[in-house]
Amino acid sequence: MLAESLGATAAARKRGISAKTLAKWIALARAGGVVSNGKRRPVSDLEAENVRLRMEHDFLKGSS
């Protein structure tokens, strides 16, 4: 785990989140809970976004 190798504060900084948030997530994960940001989206929305992002990636890769 990144927090174990770097330390929680450095790992949080590297991921762009607060150390307090990371500490909560670690405690929740260790207790067997599910870590979530509360922004759940339907799988179909995520699949559509993946298709769009792949198309954009392929387009940009081809134009470089």
Protein backbone atom coordinates (compact mmCIF):
# COMPACT_ATOMS: atom_id res chain seq x y z
CA MET A 1 0.00 0.00 0.00
CA LEU A 2 1.29 3.45 -0.92
CA ALA A 3 0.60 4.84 2.56
CA GLU A 4 2.75 2.12 4.12
CA SER A 5 5.70 2.71 1.81
CA LEU A 6 5.64 6.53 1.81
CA GLY A 7 3.77 7.34 4.97
CA ALA A 8 0.19 8.54 5.09
CA THR A 9 0.92 12.25 4.71
CA ALA A 10 3.18 11.82 1.67
CA ALA A 11 0.81 9.30 0.08
CA ALA A 12 -2.14 11.65 0.55
CA ARG A 13 -0.19 14.54 -0.95
CA LYS A 14 0.83 12.37 -3.92
CA ARG A 15 -2.85 11.47 -4.54
CA GLY A 16 -4.09 15.04 -4.04
CA ILE A 17 -6.23 14.32 -0.98
CA SER A 18 -6.00 15.38 2.63
CA ALA A 19 -4.13 13.19 5.11
CA LYS A 20 -7.27 13.13 7.27
CA THR A 21 -9.33 11.70 4.39
CA LEU A 22 -6.72 9.04 3.68
CA ALA A 23 -6.58 8.10 7.36
CA LYS A 24 -10.37 7.63 7.40
CA TRP A 25 -10.23 5.47 4.25
CA ILE A 26 -7.42 3.32 5.68
CA ALA A 27 -9.30 2.80 8.95
CA LEU A 28 -12.48 1.92 7.06
CA ALA A 29 -10.66 -0.53 4.77
CA ARG A 30 -8.93 -2.21 7.72
CA ALA A 31 -12.31 -2.62 9.42
CA GLY A 32 -13.61 -4.38 6.31
CA GLY A 33 -15.71 -1.48 5.09
CA VAL A 34 -16.07 -0.15 1.58
CA VAL A 35 -14.20 2.99 0.62
CA SER A 36 -16.31 5.27 -1.57
CA ASN A 37 -16.47 8.94 -2.43
CA GLY A 38 -20.28 8.79 -2.40
CA LYS A 39 -20.55 9.60 -6.10
CA ARG A 40 -21.93 6.34 -7.44
CA ARG A 41 -22.85 6.18 -11.11
CA PRO A 42 -24.64 3.50 -13.09
CA VAL A 43 -22.34 1.02 -14.83
CA SER A 44 -23.84 1.94 -18.21
CA ASP A 45 -22.73 5.57 -17.70
CA LEU A 46 -19.21 4.42 -16.84
CA GLU A 47 -19.08 2.11 -19.85
CA ALA A 48 -20.19 4.96 -22.14
CA GLU A 49 -17.54 7.22 -20.64
CA ASN A 50 -14.88 4.53 -21.20
CA VAL A 51 -15.87 4.26 -24.86
CA ARG A 52 -15.68 8.04 -25.28
CA LEU A 53 -12.31 8.27 -23.53
CA ARG A 54 -10.87 5.43 -25.61
CA MET A 55 -12.00 7.15 -28.79
CA GLU A 56 -10.44 10.43 -27.66
CA HIS A 57 -7.24 8.63 -26.69
CA ASP A 58 -7.02 6.87 -30.04
CA PHE A 59 -7.67 10.13 -31.90
CA LEU A 60 -5.01 12.02 -29.95
CA LYS A 61 -2.55 9.15 -30.27
CA GLY A 62 -3.00 9.14 -34.04
CA SER A 63 -2.54 12.90 -34.39
CA SER A 64 0.81 13.09 -32.57
